[in-house]
Amino acid sequence: MKNLILFSISIAALLILTSSCKNSPNEQDQMKQQQINPEKLKEQLVKVNKAQVYSEDDQIEDFLKRYKYPVTTTASGLRYYIYKTNKDIKPNSHSIVEVAYRVHLLDGTVCYSSDSTGNLVFQIGKTDLPVGLQEGVLLMSKGEKAVLITPSKLGYGFTGDGANIPPNAVLYYDVELKKIKK
């Protein structure tokens, strides 16, 4: 009985609230004018994305000038430099790999390191680790060391990682490919 009374009161309150929420004709016109035009929104998003890419490219170029890394750039925008080479086996797109690593922001701040967390062990293509790191590891042979510079789209993107990596962060990794299980 008590539940029926509470239910009836709730329905009555809901009806009162919805009937009082009717907009006047002027308010409806204002709301229509404020509606988002999908084409304009798309244009604005494209402009914001292009500005972000250009800004990141400028940051990366400044970084490369400062440290003089002779990088190669992939089609995706990953820049890499293998500074300790080896002619051993390379991983494939399904290999399980172990890497020693240190990931930094471009200002030098260390975000994560195998010194504190241990080496990363992951299966390429089957992990939520950044695609830039995975792409870079695929370019390496076992025993090689490399610097990988990832624009945010290949890293943690617009959100960051919620801990040490901020939104829209360009990252550079110092990576050594320790082991490969095919």
C-alpha atoms as a PDB file:
ATOM      1  CA  MET A   1       0.000   0.000   0.000  1.00  0.00           C
ATOM      2  CA  LYS A   2       2.820   2.366   0.959  1.00  0.00           C
ATOM      3  CA  ASN A   3       4.587   1.637  -2.366  1.00  0.00           C
ATOM      4  CA  LEU A   4       1.401   2.353  -4.316  1.00  0.00           C
ATOM      5  CA  ILE A   5       1.034   5.761  -2.624  1.00  0.00           C
ATOM      6  CA  LEU A   6       4.700   6.635  -3.329  1.00  0.00           C
ATOM      7  CA  PHE A   7       4.309   5.530  -6.938  1.00  0.00           C
ATOM      8  CA  SER A   8       1.160   7.678  -7.366  1.00  0.00           C
ATOM      9  CA  ILE A   9       2.868  10.721  -5.849  1.00  0.00           C
ATOM     10  CA  SER A  10       5.883  10.210  -8.147  1.00  0.00           C
ATOM     11  CA  ILE A  11       3.675  10.017 -11.260  1.00  0.00           C
ATOM     12  CA  ALA A  12       1.772  13.152 -10.220  1.00  0.00           C
ATOM     13  CA  ALA A  13       5.034  15.057  -9.618  1.00  0.00           C
ATOM     14  CA  LEU A  14       6.366  13.937 -12.991  1.00  0.00           C
ATOM     15  CA  LEU A  15       3.218  15.124 -14.772  1.00  0.00           C
ATOM     16  CA  ILE A  16       3.383  18.516 -13.050  1.00  0.00           C
ATOM     17  CA  LEU A  17       7.055  18.930 -13.952  1.00  0.00           C
ATOM     18  CA  THR A  18       6.608  17.997 -17.610  1.00  0.00           C
ATOM     19  CA  SER A  19       3.602  20.265 -18.069  1.00  0.00           C
ATOM     20  CA  SER A  20       5.503  23.198 -16.553  1.00  0.00           C
ATOM     21  CA  CYS A  21       8.453  22.658 -18.926  1.00  0.00           C
ATOM     22  CA  LYS A  22       6.586  23.761 -22.040  1.00  0.00           C
ATOM     23  CA  ASN A  23       8.518  26.498 -23.802  1.00  0.00           C
ATOM     24  CA  SER A  24       6.951  29.684 -25.035  1.00  0.00           C
ATOM     25  CA  PRO A  25       7.078  30.320 -28.806  1.00  0.00           C
ATOM     26  CA  ASN A  26       9.984  32.776 -28.322  1.00  0.00           C
ATOM     27  CA  GLU A  27      11.952  30.206 -26.317  1.00  0.00           C
ATOM     28  CA  GLN A  28      11.323  27.568 -28.998  1.00  0.00           C
ATOM     29  CA  ASP A  29      12.613  29.952 -31.709  1.00  0.00           C
ATOM     30  CA  GLN A  30      15.730  30.676 -29.648  1.00  0.00           C
ATOM     31  CA  MET A  31      16.348  26.959 -29.158  1.00  0.00           C
ATOM     32  CA  LYS A  32      16.042  26.318 -32.915  1.00  0.00           C
ATOM     33  CA  GLN A  33      18.581  29.078 -33.615  1.00  0.00           C
ATOM     34  CA  GLN A  34      20.993  27.512 -31.125  1.00  0.00           C
ATOM     35  CA  GLN A  35      20.793  24.041 -32.652  1.00  0.00           C
ATOM     36  CA  ILE A  36      24.073  22.819 -34.032  1.00  0.00           C
ATOM     37  CA  ASN A  37      24.486  22.655 -37.771  1.00  0.00           C
ATOM     38  CA  PRO A  38      26.240  19.311 -38.424  1.00  0.00           C
ATOM     39  CA  GLU A  39      28.178  20.654 -41.428  1.00  0.00           C
ATOM     40  CA  LYS A  40      29.485  23.662 -39.487  1.00  0.00           C
ATOM     41  CA  LEU A  41      30.393  21.432 -36.573  1.00  0.00           C
ATOM     42  CA  LYS A  42      32.306  19.112 -38.909  1.00  0.00           C
ATOM     43  CA  GLU A  43      34.177  22.091 -40.409  1.00  0.00           C
ATOM     44  CA  GLN A  44      35.104  23.370 -36.959  1.00  0.00           C
ATOM     45  CA  LEU A  45      36.327  19.935 -35.838  1.00  0.00           C
ATOM     46  CA  VAL A  46      38.485  19.594 -38.952  1.00  0.00           C
ATOM     47  CA  LYS A  47      40.017  23.035 -38.276  1.00  0.00           C
ATOM     48  CA  VAL A  48      40.729  22.138 -34.636  1.00  0.00           C
ATOM     49  CA  ASN A  49      42.300  18.810 -35.643  1.00  0.00           C
ATOM     50  CA  LYS A  50      44.500  20.462 -38.293  1.00  0.00           C
ATOM     51  CA  ALA A  51      45.633  23.097 -35.794  1.00  0.00           C
ATOM     52  CA  GLN A  52      46.497  20.333 -33.315  1.00  0.00           C
ATOM     53  CA  VAL A  53      48.507  18.416 -35.928  1.00  0.00           C
ATOM     54  CA  TYR A  54      50.413  21.537 -37.020  1.00  0.00           C
ATOM     55  CA  SER A  55      51.137  22.454 -33.397  1.00  0.00           C
ATOM     56  CA  GLU A  56      52.427  18.950 -32.673  1.00  0.00           C
ATOM     57  CA  ASP A  57      54.549  18.952 -35.828  1.00  0.00           C
ATOM     58  CA  ASP A  58      56.128  22.247 -34.721  1.00  0.00           C
ATOM     59  CA  GLN A  59      56.804  20.832 -31.238  1.00  0.00           C
ATOM     60  CA  ILE A  60      58.389  17.713 -32.711  1.00  0.00           C
ATOM     61  CA  GLU A  61      60.542  19.693 -35.158  1.00  0.00           C
ATOM     62  CA  ASP A  62      61.799  21.925 -32.323  1.00  0.00           C
ATOM     63  CA  PHE A  63      62.597  18.823 -30.273  1.00  0.00           C
ATOM     64  CA  LEU A  64      64.458  17.211 -33.180  1.00  0.00           C
ATOM     65  CA  LYS A  65      66.507  20.352 -33.822  1.00  0.00           C
ATOM     66  CA  ARG A  66      67.473  20.498 -30.154  1.00  0.00           C
ATOM     67  CA  TYR A  67      68.563  16.846 -29.900  1.00  0.00           C
ATOM     68  CA  LYS A  68      69.621  16.333 -33.547  1.00  0.00           C
ATOM     69  CA  TYR A  69      68.059  12.873 -33.902  1.00  0.00           C
ATOM     70  CA  PRO A  70      68.293  11.729 -37.548  1.00  0.00           C
ATOM     71  CA  VAL A  71      64.780  10.316 -37.605  1.00  0.00           C
ATOM     72  CA  THR A  72      62.797   8.526 -40.253  1.00  0.00           C
ATOM     73  CA  THR A  73      59.092   9.359 -40.474  1.00  0.00           C
ATOM     74  CA  THR A  74      56.503   6.680 -41.239  1.00  0.00           C
ATOM     75  CA  ALA A  75      53.262   7.250 -43.144  1.00  0.00           C
ATOM     76  CA  SER A  76      51.366   7.399 -39.836  1.00  0.00           C
ATOM     77  CA  GLY A  77      53.576  10.198 -38.484  1.00  0.00           C
ATOM     78  CA  LEU A  78      55.764   8.130 -36.146  1.00  0.00           C
ATOM     79  CA  ARG A  79      59.349   9.356 -36.083  1.00  0.00           C
ATOM     80  CA  TYR A  80      61.994   6.853 -35.132  1.00  0.00           C
ATOM     81  CA  TYR A  81      65.743   6.531 -34.861  1.00  0.00           C
ATOM     82  CA  ILE A  82      67.391   3.172 -34.198  1.00  0.00           C
ATOM     83  CA  TYR A  83      70.634   4.091 -32.484  1.00  0.00           C
ATOM     84  CA  LYS A  84      71.831   0.582 -31.567  1.00  0.00           C
ATOM     85  CA  THR A  85      71.393  -1.744 -34.497  1.00  0.00           C
ATOM     86  CA  ASN A  86      71.390  -5.511 -34.654  1.00  0.00           C
ATOM     87  CA  LYS A  87      70.698  -7.975 -37.438  1.00  0.00           C
ATOM     88  CA  ASP A  88      68.661 -10.363 -35.302  1.00  0.00           C
ATOM     89  CA  ILE A  89      65.029 -11.413 -35.817  1.00  0.00           C
ATOM     90  CA  LYS A  90      62.197  -8.893 -36.117  1.00  0.00           C
ATOM     91  CA  PRO A  91      58.767  -9.268 -34.533  1.00  0.00           C
ATOM     92  CA  ASN A  92      55.666  -9.751 -36.643  1.00  0.00           C
ATOM     93  CA  SER A  93      52.221  -8.255 -36.136  1.00  0.00           C
ATOM     94  CA  HIS A  94      51.265 -11.010 -33.647  1.00  0.00           C
ATOM     95  CA  SER A  95      54.552 -11.489 -31.770  1.00  0.00           C
ATOM     96  CA  ILE A  96      54.779 -11.314 -28.013  1.00  0.00           C
ATOM     97  CA  VAL A  97      57.599  -8.932 -27.168  1.00  0.00           C
ATOM     98  CA  GLU A  98      59.424  -7.707 -24.094  1.00  0.00           C
ATOM     99  CA  VAL A  99      60.769  -4.162 -24.082  1.00  0.00           C
ATOM    100  CA  ALA A 100      62.725  -2.071 -21.645  1.00  0.00           C
ATOM    101  CA  TYR A 101      61.455   1.478 -22.006  1.00  0.00           C
ATOM    102  CA  ARG A 102      61.260   5.003 -20.734  1.00  0.00           C
ATOM    103  CA  VAL A 103      58.456   7.285 -21.953  1.00  0.00           C
ATOM    104  CA  HIS A 104      58.870  11.063 -21.691  1.00  0.00           C
ATOM    105  CA  LEU A 105      56.994  14.212 -22.524  1.00  0.00           C
ATOM    106  CA  LEU A 106      58.907  16.453 -24.915  1.00  0.00           C
ATOM    107  CA  ASP A 107      59.926  18.679 -21.998  1.00  0.00           C
ATOM    108  CA  GLY A 108      61.875  15.721 -20.568  1.00  0.00           C
ATOM    109  CA  THR A 109      59.399  14.713 -17.868  1.00  0.00           C
ATOM    110  CA  VAL A 110      59.573  10.943 -17.392  1.00  0.00           C
ATOM    111  CA  CYS A 111      56.036   9.530 -17.351  1.00  0.00           C
ATOM    112  CA  TYR A 112      56.772   5.819 -17.045  1.00  0.00           C
ATOM    113  CA  SER A 113      59.851   3.645 -17.045  1.00  0.00           C
ATOM    114  CA  SER A 114      60.724  -0.012 -16.843  1.00  0.00           C
ATOM    115  CA  ASP A 115      63.092   1.034 -14.041  1.00  0.00           C
ATOM    116  CA  SER A 116      60.045   1.493 -11.814  1.00  0.00           C
ATOM    117  CA  THR A 117      57.422  -0.777 -13.399  1.00  0.00           C
ATOM    118  CA  GLY A 118      59.499  -3.544 -14.966  1.00  0.00           C
ATOM    119  CA  ASN A 119      59.784  -4.352 -18.651  1.00  0.00           C
ATOM    120  CA  LEU A 120      56.652  -4.311 -20.781  1.00  0.00           C
ATOM    121  CA  VAL A 121      55.549  -7.663 -22.137  1.00  0.00           C
ATOM    122  CA  PHE A 122      52.746  -7.505 -24.691  1.00  0.00           C
ATOM    123  CA  GLN A 123      51.386  -9.046 -27.852  1.00  0.00           C
ATOM    124  CA  ILE A 124      51.559  -6.656 -30.770  1.00  0.00           C
ATOM    125  CA  GLY A 125      48.090  -5.861 -32.049  1.00  0.00           C
ATOM    126  CA  LYS A 126      46.411  -7.360 -28.968  1.00  0.00           C
ATOM    127  CA  THR A 127      47.074  -4.657 -26.397  1.00  0.00           C
ATOM    128  CA  ASP A 128      45.754  -1.256 -25.442  1.00  0.00           C
ATOM    129  CA  LEU A 129      49.280   0.190 -25.475  1.00  0.00           C
ATOM    130  CA  PRO A 130      49.674   3.113 -27.894  1.00  0.00           C
ATOM    131  CA  VAL A 131      49.794   2.194 -31.565  1.00  0.00           C
ATOM    132  CA  GLY A 132      52.895   4.368 -32.011  1.00  0.00           C
ATOM    133  CA  LEU A 133      54.839   2.191 -29.577  1.00  0.00           C
ATOM    134  CA  GLN A 134      53.631  -0.976 -31.286  1.00  0.00           C
ATOM    135  CA  GLU A 135      54.469   0.377 -34.744  1.00  0.00           C
ATOM    136  CA  GLY A 136      57.944   1.366 -33.569  1.00  0.00           C
ATOM    137  CA  VAL A 137      58.645  -2.046 -32.044  1.00  0.00           C
ATOM    138  CA  LEU A 138      57.702  -3.679 -35.362  1.00  0.00           C
ATOM    139  CA  LEU A 139      60.504  -1.678 -37.016  1.00  0.00           C
ATOM    140  CA  MET A 140      63.143  -3.026 -34.617  1.00  0.00           C
ATOM    141  CA  SER A 141      65.160  -6.227 -34.399  1.00  0.00           C
ATOM    142  CA  LYS A 142      65.801  -8.083 -31.175  1.00  0.00           C
ATOM    143  CA  GLY A 143      68.515  -6.285 -29.195  1.00  0.00           C
ATOM    144  CA  GLU A 144      68.069  -2.933 -30.915  1.00  0.00           C
ATOM    145  CA  LYS A 145      67.563   0.366 -29.111  1.00  0.00           C
ATOM    146  CA  ALA A 146      65.530   3.198 -30.570  1.00  0.00           C
ATOM    147  CA  VAL A 147      63.955   6.555 -29.936  1.00  0.00           C
ATOM    148  CA  LEU A 148      60.291   6.701 -30.980  1.00  0.00           C
ATOM    149  CA  ILE A 149      58.509  10.052 -31.176  1.00  0.00           C
ATOM    150  CA  THR A 150      54.737   9.710 -31.290  1.00  0.00           C
ATOM    151  CA  PRO A 151      52.235  12.449 -32.018  1.00  0.00           C
ATOM    152  CA  SER A 152      49.233  12.324 -29.692  1.00  0.00           C
ATOM    153  CA  LYS A 153      47.097  10.493 -32.256  1.00  0.00           C
ATOM    154  CA  LEU A 154      49.533   7.542 -31.980  1.00  0.00           C
ATOM    155  CA  GLY A 155      49.756   7.846 -28.212  1.00  0.00           C
ATOM    156  CA  TYR A 156      47.048   8.683 -25.709  1.00  0.00           C
ATOM    157  CA  GLY A 157      45.145  11.188 -27.867  1.00  0.00           C
ATOM    158  CA  PHE A 158      42.748  13.835 -26.643  1.00  0.00           C
ATOM    159  CA  THR A 159      42.307  12.244 -23.225  1.00  0.00           C
ATOM    160  CA  GLY A 160      45.803  11.372 -22.033  1.00  0.00           C
ATOM    161  CA  ASP A 161      46.044   8.364 -19.765  1.00  0.00           C
ATOM    162  CA  GLY A 162      44.344   9.912 -16.741  1.00  0.00           C
ATOM    163  CA  ALA A 163      47.519   9.676 -14.666  1.00  0.00           C
ATOM    164  CA  ASN A 164      50.928  10.826 -15.911  1.00  0.00           C
ATOM    165  CA  ILE A 165      50.290  11.644 -19.559  1.00  0.00           C
ATOM    166  CA  PRO A 166      48.217  14.761 -20.238  1.00  0.00           C
ATOM    167  CA  PRO A 167      45.761  15.194 -23.122  1.00  0.00           C
ATOM    168  CA  ASN A 168      47.258  15.864 -26.570  1.00  0.00           C
ATOM    169  CA  ALA A 169      50.765  14.927 -25.435  1.00  0.00           C
ATOM    170  CA  VAL A 170      53.526  14.227 -27.911  1.00  0.00           C
ATOM    171  CA  LEU A 171      55.660  11.461 -26.404  1.00  0.00           C
ATOM    172  CA  TYR A 172      59.082  10.102 -26.959  1.00  0.00           C
ATOM    173  CA  TYR A 173      60.071   6.606 -26.002  1.00  0.00           C
ATOM    174  CA  ASP A 174      63.531   5.261 -25.439  1.00  0.00           C
ATOM    175  CA  VAL A 175      63.011   1.552 -26.154  1.00  0.00           C
ATOM    176  CA  GLU A 176      65.110  -1.603 -26.202  1.00  0.00           C
ATOM    177  CA  LEU A 177      63.609  -4.721 -27.743  1.00  0.00           C
ATOM    178  CA  LYS A 178      64.716  -7.460 -25.336  1.00  0.00           C
ATOM    179  CA  LYS A 179      62.808 -10.590 -26.371  1.00  0.00           C
ATOM    180  CA  ILE A 180      60.530 -11.828 -29.140  1.00  0.00           C
ATOM    181  CA  LYS A 181      58.244 -14.856 -29.015  1.00  0.00           C
ATOM    182  CA  LYS A 182      56.819 -15.491 -32.482  1.00  0.00           C
END
